[in-house]
Amino acid sequence: MLRVFCNFCLVIILLFWSNAAQAGQLSQRLAQFSHWESKPPVSAASGDLIYPNWIEGTWNVTSTLVDLAAPLAPDVVTPGFESNRQYLNQPVSFTVSFVKASSTTQTGIILPLQTSTQVIADRAFNGLNIGRAYLGDRAIQSVKVDPNSPNRQITLLKGDRQLISIVTGRNSESPNSDQFVATEVSQQIFGSKPQLYFNTVETTTAYTLIQSKTPKIEADQVTAVYLSPQDPDYFKAIDKPVALYRYRLQLLPLE
């Protein structure tokens, strides 16, 4: 179960809410991979991530794991880390959608508390497609977003297991009109009683709009796994990541 949980942490593309940040702070964090000594600077999560307007639409995504690191090895290594090396340079494809906040998502949820000019992710649609792309259609039964909060998402897995992801903090910056950088930290609970596993996961992503006859988006993304206080090795790590995974993303508009 631990291996499945760790692998699933990699595929959740966590979705962000806009918040003021010092210019370049998150970009610098990506540039310092894999020398991360702490969690990113975030504010308490509220509302939903507001993306730039140029990301609105449905996209075919190709995601490729290009690097991984275990900063505290050999003292602390997450289950499944070594086996994940087999995914290096192996592209994975899936579809994601970004919609105006006042519209109905592809999963039928009316999104509240946003204005019609704001673009957000269709969280349930995206989470389901990403999870099935990595784990297979049979592994993921459904993805549900709390209708009262976009910060709480439940993924139902086969075998009566579930992954609960609760966004606790986020931050973002826009270095220029064609770039958007965001980070989000969430608490994840996996399994079924009495065997529950806890982790803290960060995803920091830099999106760049490539202007051409057919616009596309390229992204540099890092997923970091942190131990929760429930883990027996927690005090060996505190706020240092125990696993880092770097991806290259390419988003092409769905024909």
C-alpha atoms as a PDB file:
ATOM      1  CA  MET A   1       0.000   0.000   0.000  1.00  0.00           C
ATOM      2  CA  LEU A   2       2.802   2.408   0.808  1.00  0.00           C
ATOM      3  CA  ARG A   3       4.259   1.994  -2.688  1.00  0.00           C
ATOM      4  CA  VAL A   4       0.904   2.691  -4.302  1.00  0.00           C
ATOM      5  CA  PHE A   5       0.447   5.748  -2.097  1.00  0.00           C
ATOM      6  CA  CYS A   6       3.875   7.147  -2.954  1.00  0.00           C
ATOM      7  CA  ASN A   7       3.354   6.550  -6.657  1.00  0.00           C
ATOM      8  CA  PHE A   8      -0.029   8.214  -6.530  1.00  0.00           C
ATOM      9  CA  CYS A   9       1.470  11.267  -4.857  1.00  0.00           C
ATOM     10  CA  LEU A  10       3.555  11.770  -7.986  1.00  0.00           C
ATOM     11  CA  VAL A  11       0.614  11.980 -10.320  1.00  0.00           C
ATOM     12  CA  ILE A  12      -1.585  14.359  -8.519  1.00  0.00           C
ATOM     13  CA  ILE A  13      -1.185  17.645 -10.306  1.00  0.00           C
ATOM     14  CA  LEU A  14      -2.248  19.892  -7.404  1.00  0.00           C
ATOM     15  CA  LEU A  15      -4.119  23.029  -8.514  1.00  0.00           C
ATOM     16  CA  PHE A  16      -3.253  26.460  -7.238  1.00  0.00           C
ATOM     17  CA  TRP A  17      -4.785  29.711  -5.997  1.00  0.00           C
ATOM     18  CA  SER A  18      -3.305  33.117  -6.842  1.00  0.00           C
ATOM     19  CA  ASN A  19      -1.587  35.010  -4.034  1.00  0.00           C
ATOM     20  CA  ALA A  20       0.930  37.848  -3.988  1.00  0.00           C
ATOM     21  CA  ALA A  21       4.573  36.755  -3.784  1.00  0.00           C
ATOM     22  CA  GLN A  22       7.946  38.371  -3.977  1.00  0.00           C
ATOM     23  CA  ALA A  23       8.923  38.541  -7.639  1.00  0.00           C
ATOM     24  CA  GLY A  24      10.913  35.498  -8.676  1.00  0.00           C
ATOM     25  CA  GLN A  25      10.735  33.738  -5.314  1.00  0.00           C
ATOM     26  CA  LEU A  26       9.141  30.574  -6.683  1.00  0.00           C
ATOM     27  CA  SER A  27      11.148  30.694  -9.913  1.00  0.00           C
ATOM     28  CA  GLN A  28      14.319  30.749  -7.832  1.00  0.00           C
ATOM     29  CA  ARG A  29      13.099  27.720  -5.915  1.00  0.00           C
ATOM     30  CA  LEU A  30      12.746  25.735  -9.136  1.00  0.00           C
ATOM     31  CA  ALA A  31      16.194  26.875 -10.247  1.00  0.00           C
ATOM     32  CA  GLN A  32      17.661  25.509  -6.982  1.00  0.00           C
ATOM     33  CA  PHE A  33      16.398  21.943  -7.550  1.00  0.00           C
ATOM     34  CA  SER A  34      17.286  19.642  -5.848  1.00  0.00           C
ATOM     35  CA  HIS A  35      18.807  21.648  -3.020  1.00  0.00           C
ATOM     36  CA  TRP A  36      15.596  22.330  -1.134  1.00  0.00           C
ATOM     37  CA  GLU A  37      15.993  22.728   2.620  1.00  0.00           C
ATOM     38  CA  SER A  38      12.439  23.669   3.586  1.00  0.00           C
ATOM     39  CA  LYS A  39       8.859  23.961   2.406  1.00  0.00           C
ATOM     40  CA  PRO A  40       7.938  26.874   0.123  1.00  0.00           C
ATOM     41  CA  PRO A  41       6.586  30.183   1.449  1.00  0.00           C
ATOM     42  CA  VAL A  42       2.792  29.921   1.332  1.00  0.00           C
ATOM     43  CA  SER A  43      -0.323  31.560   2.715  1.00  0.00           C
ATOM     44  CA  ALA A  44      -3.332  29.702   4.078  1.00  0.00           C
ATOM     45  CA  ALA A  45      -5.417  28.230   1.259  1.00  0.00           C
ATOM     46  CA  SER A  46      -8.687  29.983   0.521  1.00  0.00           C
ATOM     47  CA  GLY A  47     -10.879  29.920  -2.569  1.00  0.00           C
ATOM     48  CA  ASP A  48      -9.380  28.423  -5.711  1.00  0.00           C
ATOM     49  CA  LEU A  49      -6.328  29.045  -7.865  1.00  0.00           C
ATOM     50  CA  ILE A  50      -6.938  31.709 -10.479  1.00  0.00           C
ATOM     51  CA  TYR A  51      -4.942  30.909 -13.631  1.00  0.00           C
ATOM     52  CA  PRO A  52      -4.051  33.384 -16.386  1.00  0.00           C
ATOM     53  CA  ASN A  53      -6.650  33.631 -19.156  1.00  0.00           C
ATOM     54  CA  TRP A  54      -4.340  32.035 -21.733  1.00  0.00           C
ATOM     55  CA  ILE A  55      -4.611  28.648 -20.052  1.00  0.00           C
ATOM     56  CA  GLU A  56      -8.389  28.420 -20.537  1.00  0.00           C
ATOM     57  CA  GLY A  57      -9.473  25.464 -22.659  1.00  0.00           C
ATOM     58  CA  THR A  58      -8.873  21.722 -22.942  1.00  0.00           C
ATOM     59  CA  TRP A  59      -5.332  20.493 -23.472  1.00  0.00           C
ATOM     60  CA  ASN A  60      -3.506  17.317 -24.365  1.00  0.00           C
ATOM     61  CA  VAL A  61      -0.650  17.023 -21.863  1.00  0.00           C
ATOM     62  CA  THR A  62       2.580  15.071 -22.217  1.00  0.00           C
ATOM     63  CA  SER A  63       4.329  14.693 -18.853  1.00  0.00           C
ATOM     64  CA  THR A  64       7.869  13.303 -18.615  1.00  0.00           C
ATOM     65  CA  LEU A  65       9.783  12.551 -15.432  1.00  0.00           C
ATOM     66  CA  VAL A  66      13.260  13.962 -16.100  1.00  0.00           C
ATOM     67  CA  ASP A  67      14.923  13.807 -12.670  1.00  0.00           C
ATOM     68  CA  LEU A  68      14.389  12.537  -9.149  1.00  0.00           C
ATOM     69  CA  ALA A  69      16.252  12.843  -5.872  1.00  0.00           C
ATOM     70  CA  ALA A  70      16.139  11.539  -2.297  1.00  0.00           C
ATOM     71  CA  PRO A  71      17.939  14.315  -0.354  1.00  0.00           C
ATOM     72  CA  LEU A  72      18.065  12.409   2.950  1.00  0.00           C
ATOM     73  CA  ALA A  73      19.108   9.009   1.574  1.00  0.00           C
ATOM     74  CA  PRO A  74      20.184   6.534   2.798  1.00  0.00           C
ATOM     75  CA  ASP A  75      18.782   7.516   6.225  1.00  0.00           C
ATOM     76  CA  VAL A  76      15.296   8.264   4.913  1.00  0.00           C
ATOM     77  CA  VAL A  77      13.939   6.977   1.582  1.00  0.00           C
ATOM     78  CA  THR A  78      10.237   6.830   0.754  1.00  0.00           C
ATOM     79  CA  PRO A  79       8.752   3.476  -0.266  1.00  0.00           C
ATOM     80  CA  GLY A  80       8.722   3.077  -4.036  1.00  0.00           C
ATOM     81  CA  PHE A  81      11.357   5.740  -4.683  1.00  0.00           C
ATOM     82  CA  GLU A  82      13.897   3.421  -6.293  1.00  0.00           C
ATOM     83  CA  SER A  83      11.249   1.635  -8.348  1.00  0.00           C
ATOM     84  CA  ASN A  84      10.126   4.994  -9.729  1.00  0.00           C
ATOM     85  CA  ARG A  85      13.429   5.316 -11.595  1.00  0.00           C
ATOM     86  CA  GLN A  86      11.915   3.102 -14.272  1.00  0.00           C
ATOM     87  CA  TYR A  87       9.659   6.026 -15.257  1.00  0.00           C
ATOM     88  CA  LEU A  88      12.560   8.357 -16.094  1.00  0.00           C
ATOM     89  CA  ASN A  89      12.208   9.792 -19.604  1.00  0.00           C
ATOM     90  CA  GLN A  90       8.990   7.835 -20.188  1.00  0.00           C
ATOM     91  CA  PRO A  91       6.291  10.265 -21.430  1.00  0.00           C
ATOM     92  CA  VAL A  92       2.744   9.904 -20.128  1.00  0.00           C
ATOM     93  CA  SER A  93      -0.227  11.558 -21.856  1.00  0.00           C
ATOM     94  CA  PHE A  94      -3.580  12.746 -20.517  1.00  0.00           C
ATOM     95  CA  THR A  95      -6.173  15.501 -20.986  1.00  0.00           C
ATOM     96  CA  VAL A  96      -6.859  18.449 -18.681  1.00  0.00           C
ATOM     97  CA  SER A  97      -9.358  21.287 -18.762  1.00  0.00           C
ATOM     98  CA  PHE A  98      -9.442  24.862 -17.457  1.00  0.00           C
ATOM     99  CA  VAL A  99     -12.744  26.715 -17.356  1.00  0.00           C
ATOM    100  CA  LYS A 100     -14.314  30.035 -16.451  1.00  0.00           C
ATOM    101  CA  ALA A 101     -15.172  29.893 -12.779  1.00  0.00           C
ATOM    102  CA  SER A 102     -18.859  30.618 -13.238  1.00  0.00           C
ATOM    103  CA  SER A 103     -19.370  27.781 -15.698  1.00  0.00           C
ATOM    104  CA  THR A 104     -20.341  24.179 -15.082  1.00  0.00           C
ATOM    105  CA  THR A 105     -17.345  21.840 -15.061  1.00  0.00           C
ATOM    106  CA  GLN A 106     -17.179  18.694 -17.178  1.00  0.00           C
ATOM    107  CA  THR A 107     -18.106  16.754 -14.053  1.00  0.00           C
ATOM    108  CA  GLY A 108     -21.289  18.768 -13.609  1.00  0.00           C
ATOM    109  CA  ILE A 109     -20.271  20.847 -10.579  1.00  0.00           C
ATOM    110  CA  ILE A 110     -21.314  24.510 -10.510  1.00  0.00           C
ATOM    111  CA  LEU A 111     -18.256  26.359  -9.247  1.00  0.00           C
ATOM    112  CA  PRO A 112     -19.061  28.967  -6.561  1.00  0.00           C
ATOM    113  CA  LEU A 113     -17.371  32.049  -5.117  1.00  0.00           C
ATOM    114  CA  GLN A 114     -15.544  33.165  -8.286  1.00  0.00           C
ATOM    115  CA  THR A 115     -16.262  35.764 -10.969  1.00  0.00           C
ATOM    116  CA  SER A 116     -17.009  34.936 -14.598  1.00  0.00           C
ATOM    117  CA  THR A 117     -13.685  36.392 -15.740  1.00  0.00           C
ATOM    118  CA  GLN A 118     -11.562  34.017 -13.648  1.00  0.00           C
ATOM    119  CA  VAL A 119     -10.073  30.797 -15.003  1.00  0.00           C
ATOM    120  CA  ILE A 120      -9.719  27.766 -12.739  1.00  0.00           C
ATOM    121  CA  ALA A 121      -8.984  24.077 -13.235  1.00  0.00           C
ATOM    122  CA  ASP A 122     -11.694  21.437 -13.579  1.00  0.00           C
ATOM    123  CA  ARG A 123     -10.245  19.582 -10.630  1.00  0.00           C
ATOM    124  CA  ALA A 124     -12.305  16.382 -10.709  1.00  0.00           C
ATOM    125  CA  PHE A 125     -11.950  15.952 -14.481  1.00  0.00           C
ATOM    126  CA  ASN A 126      -8.207  16.582 -14.370  1.00  0.00           C
ATOM    127  CA  GLY A 127      -7.566  14.423 -11.318  1.00  0.00           C
ATOM    128  CA  LEU A 128      -9.434  11.472 -12.818  1.00  0.00           C
ATOM    129  CA  ASN A 129      -7.573  11.677 -16.144  1.00  0.00           C
ATOM    130  CA  ILE A 130      -4.158  12.068 -14.538  1.00  0.00           C
ATOM    131  CA  GLY A 131      -4.711   9.245 -12.048  1.00  0.00           C
ATOM    132  CA  ARG A 132      -5.891   6.825 -14.731  1.00  0.00           C
ATOM    133  CA  ALA A 133      -3.033   7.746 -17.047  1.00  0.00           C
ATOM    134  CA  TYR A 134      -0.499   6.689 -14.413  1.00  0.00           C
ATOM    135  CA  LEU A 135      -2.286   3.930 -12.506  1.00  0.00           C
ATOM    136  CA  GLY A 136      -4.712   2.527 -15.074  1.00  0.00           C
ATOM    137  CA  ASP A 137      -8.452   2.846 -15.643  1.00  0.00           C
ATOM    138  CA  ARG A 138      -9.329   0.123 -13.136  1.00  0.00           C
ATOM    139  CA  ALA A 139      -7.282   1.580 -10.295  1.00  0.00           C
ATOM    140  CA  ILE A 140      -9.204   4.877 -10.114  1.00  0.00           C
ATOM    141  CA  GLN A 141     -12.948   4.621  -9.558  1.00  0.00           C
ATOM    142  CA  SER A 142     -13.785   8.312  -9.194  1.00  0.00           C
ATOM    143  CA  VAL A 143     -12.505  11.715  -8.140  1.00  0.00           C
ATOM    144  CA  LYS A 144     -14.786  14.023  -6.167  1.00  0.00           C
ATOM    145  CA  VAL A 145     -14.292  17.626  -5.098  1.00  0.00           C
ATOM    146  CA  ASP A 146     -16.067  18.937  -2.019  1.00  0.00           C
ATOM    147  CA  PRO A 147     -18.850  21.185  -3.396  1.00  0.00           C
ATOM    148  CA  ASN A 148     -18.250  23.551  -0.481  1.00  0.00           C
ATOM    149  CA  SER A 149     -14.480  23.771  -0.898  1.00  0.00           C
ATOM    150  CA  PRO A 150     -12.174  23.284  -3.905  1.00  0.00           C
ATOM    151  CA  ASN A 151      -9.403  22.570  -1.403  1.00  0.00           C
ATOM    152  CA  ARG A 152     -10.717  19.133  -0.444  1.00  0.00           C
ATOM    153  CA  GLN A 153     -10.581  16.297  -2.972  1.00  0.00           C
ATOM    154  CA  ILE A 154     -11.340  12.592  -2.532  1.00  0.00           C
ATOM    155  CA  THR A 155     -10.052   9.928  -4.935  1.00  0.00           C
ATOM    156  CA  LEU A 156     -11.748   6.552  -4.622  1.00  0.00           C
ATOM    157  CA  LEU A 157      -9.487   3.601  -5.473  1.00  0.00           C
ATOM    158  CA  LYS A 158     -10.195  -0.058  -5.977  1.00  0.00           C
ATOM    159  CA  GLY A 159     -10.157  -2.225  -2.879  1.00  0.00           C
ATOM    160  CA  ASP A 160     -12.216   0.250  -0.807  1.00  0.00           C
ATOM    161  CA  ARG A 161      -9.252   2.578  -0.456  1.00  0.00           C
ATOM    162  CA  GLN A 162      -9.268   6.326  -0.869  1.00  0.00           C
ATOM    163  CA  LEU A 163      -6.886   9.251  -1.090  1.00  0.00           C
ATOM    164  CA  ILE A 164      -8.004  12.446   0.640  1.00  0.00           C
ATOM    165  CA  SER A 165      -6.068  15.553  -0.371  1.00  0.00           C
ATOM    166  CA  ILE A 166      -6.565  18.787   1.564  1.00  0.00           C
ATOM    167  CA  VAL A 167      -4.827  21.925   0.323  1.00  0.00           C
ATOM    168  CA  THR A 168      -3.406  23.880   3.258  1.00  0.00           C
ATOM    169  CA  GLY A 169      -1.236  26.566   1.629  1.00  0.00           C
ATOM    170  CA  ARG A 170      -0.415  28.113  -1.739  1.00  0.00           C
ATOM    171  CA  ASN A 171       1.401  30.948  -3.463  1.00  0.00           C
ATOM    172  CA  SER A 172       1.923  32.232  -7.014  1.00  0.00           C
ATOM    173  CA  GLU A 173       3.702  34.838  -9.120  1.00  0.00           C
ATOM    174  CA  SER A 174       3.604  36.117 -12.704  1.00  0.00           C
ATOM    175  CA  PRO A 175       7.093  37.179 -13.848  1.00  0.00           C
ATOM    176  CA  ASN A 176       5.559  38.448 -17.112  1.00  0.00           C
ATOM    177  CA  SER A 177       2.381  38.143 -19.165  1.00  0.00           C
ATOM    178  CA  ASP A 178       3.440  34.801 -20.684  1.00  0.00           C
ATOM    179  CA  GLN A 179       4.596  33.126 -17.462  1.00  0.00           C
ATOM    180  CA  PHE A 180       2.809  31.849 -14.387  1.00  0.00           C
ATOM    181  CA  VAL A 181       4.482  30.140 -11.410  1.00  0.00           C
ATOM    182  CA  ALA A 182       2.552  28.561  -8.559  1.00  0.00           C
ATOM    183  CA  THR A 183       3.071  26.306  -5.570  1.00  0.00           C
ATOM    184  CA  GLU A 184       0.674  24.406  -3.370  1.00  0.00           C
ATOM    185  CA  VAL A 185       1.122  22.327  -0.213  1.00  0.00           C
ATOM    186  CA  SER A 186      -1.450  19.710   0.753  1.00  0.00           C
ATOM    187  CA  GLN A 187      -1.991  17.067   3.394  1.00  0.00           C
ATOM    188  CA  GLN A 188      -2.752  13.621   1.987  1.00  0.00           C
ATOM    189  CA  ILE A 189      -4.362  10.682   3.763  1.00  0.00           C
ATOM    190  CA  PHE A 190      -4.317   7.312   2.029  1.00  0.00           C
ATOM    191  CA  GLY A 191      -5.760   3.889   2.732  1.00  0.00           C
ATOM    192  CA  SER A 192      -8.643   2.618   4.814  1.00  0.00           C
ATOM    193  CA  LYS A 193      -9.004   2.160   8.535  1.00  0.00           C
ATOM    194  CA  PRO A 194      -7.135   0.943  10.489  1.00  0.00           C
ATOM    195  CA  GLN A 195      -4.218   1.325   8.019  1.00  0.00           C
ATOM    196  CA  LEU A 196      -3.983   5.010   7.167  1.00  0.00           C
ATOM    197  CA  TYR A 197      -0.855   6.694   5.799  1.00  0.00           C
ATOM    198  CA  PHE A 198      -0.121  10.409   5.957  1.00  0.00           C
ATOM    199  CA  ASN A 199       2.103  12.625   3.807  1.00  0.00           C
ATOM    200  CA  THR A 200       2.596  16.274   2.973  1.00  0.00           C
ATOM    201  CA  VAL A 201       3.026  16.996  -0.738  1.00  0.00           C
ATOM    202  CA  GLU A 202       4.177  20.137  -2.538  1.00  0.00           C
ATOM    203  CA  THR A 203       3.862  20.832  -6.241  1.00  0.00           C
ATOM    204  CA  THR A 204       5.622  23.854  -7.707  1.00  0.00           C
ATOM    205  CA  THR A 205       5.071  24.556 -11.407  1.00  0.00           C
ATOM    206  CA  ALA A 206       6.252  27.224 -13.856  1.00  0.00           C
ATOM    207  CA  TYR A 207       4.013  27.553 -16.943  1.00  0.00           C
ATOM    208  CA  THR A 208       5.201  29.385 -20.059  1.00  0.00           C
ATOM    209  CA  LEU A 209       2.961  30.318 -22.998  1.00  0.00           C
ATOM    210  CA  ILE A 210       4.737  29.750 -26.307  1.00  0.00           C
ATOM    211  CA  GLN A 211       3.298  32.195 -28.838  1.00  0.00           C
ATOM    212  CA  SER A 212       3.009  30.666 -32.304  1.00  0.00           C
ATOM    213  CA  LYS A 213       0.393  29.945 -34.977  1.00  0.00           C
ATOM    214  CA  THR A 214      -0.931  27.261 -32.645  1.00  0.00           C
ATOM    215  CA  PRO A 215      -0.177  28.362 -29.065  1.00  0.00           C
ATOM    216  CA  LYS A 216       1.213  25.784 -26.669  1.00  0.00           C
ATOM    217  CA  ILE A 217       2.292  25.753 -23.060  1.00  0.00           C
ATOM    218  CA  GLU A 218       5.475  24.332 -21.599  1.00  0.00           C
ATOM    219  CA  ALA A 219       5.951  23.747 -17.882  1.00  0.00           C
ATOM    220  CA  ASP A 220       8.654  22.823 -15.395  1.00  0.00           C
ATOM    221  CA  GLN A 221       7.154  21.007 -12.421  1.00  0.00           C
ATOM    222  CA  VAL A 222       8.554  19.574  -9.197  1.00  0.00           C
ATOM    223  CA  THR A 223       6.616  17.367  -6.789  1.00  0.00           C
ATOM    224  CA  ALA A 224       8.136  17.134  -3.303  1.00  0.00           C
ATOM    225  CA  VAL A 225       7.130  14.624  -0.610  1.00  0.00           C
ATOM    226  CA  TYR A 226       7.499  15.525   3.079  1.00  0.00           C
ATOM    227  CA  LEU A 227       6.985  13.295   6.097  1.00  0.00           C
ATOM    228  CA  SER A 228       4.020  13.973   8.337  1.00  0.00           C
ATOM    229  CA  PRO A 229       4.325  14.140  12.145  1.00  0.00           C
ATOM    230  CA  GLN A 230       2.746  10.662  12.267  1.00  0.00           C
ATOM    231  CA  ASP A 231       5.769   9.146  10.514  1.00  0.00           C
ATOM    232  CA  PRO A 232       8.370   7.540  12.839  1.00  0.00           C
ATOM    233  CA  ASP A 233      11.179   9.222  10.831  1.00  0.00           C
ATOM    234  CA  TYR A 234       9.590  12.669  11.017  1.00  0.00           C
ATOM    235  CA  PHE A 235      12.237  14.215  13.283  1.00  0.00           C
ATOM    236  CA  LYS A 236      14.997  13.106  10.912  1.00  0.00           C
ATOM    237  CA  ALA A 237      13.496  15.309   8.228  1.00  0.00           C
ATOM    238  CA  ILE A 238      11.219  17.952   9.852  1.00  0.00           C
ATOM    239  CA  ASP A 239      10.471  20.268   6.887  1.00  0.00           C
ATOM    240  CA  LYS A 240      13.054  18.884   4.460  1.00  0.00           C
ATOM    241  CA  PRO A 241      11.721  16.924   1.460  1.00  0.00           C
ATOM    242  CA  VAL A 242      12.428  13.196   1.454  1.00  0.00           C
ATOM    243  CA  ALA A 243      11.649  12.713  -2.247  1.00  0.00           C
ATOM    244  CA  LEU A 244      11.759  15.089  -5.221  1.00  0.00           C
ATOM    245  CA  TYR A 245      10.443  14.430  -8.734  1.00  0.00           C
ATOM    246  CA  ARG A 246      10.953  16.828 -11.636  1.00  0.00           C
ATOM    247  CA  TYR A 247       8.743  16.793 -14.732  1.00  0.00           C
ATOM    248  CA  ARG A 248       8.685  18.495 -18.105  1.00  0.00           C
ATOM    249  CA  LEU A 249       5.145  19.187 -19.332  1.00  0.00           C
ATOM    250  CA  GLN A 250       3.919  20.118 -22.770  1.00  0.00           C
ATOM    251  CA  LEU A 251       0.310  21.231 -23.247  1.00  0.00           C
ATOM    252  CA  LEU A 252      -1.167  21.297 -26.754  1.00  0.00           C
ATOM    253  CA  PRO A 253      -4.743  22.483 -27.426  1.00  0.00           C
ATOM    254  CA  LEU A 254      -7.218  19.690 -27.980  1.00  0.00           C
ATOM    255  CA  GLU A 255      -8.263  19.631 -31.610  1.00  0.00           C
END
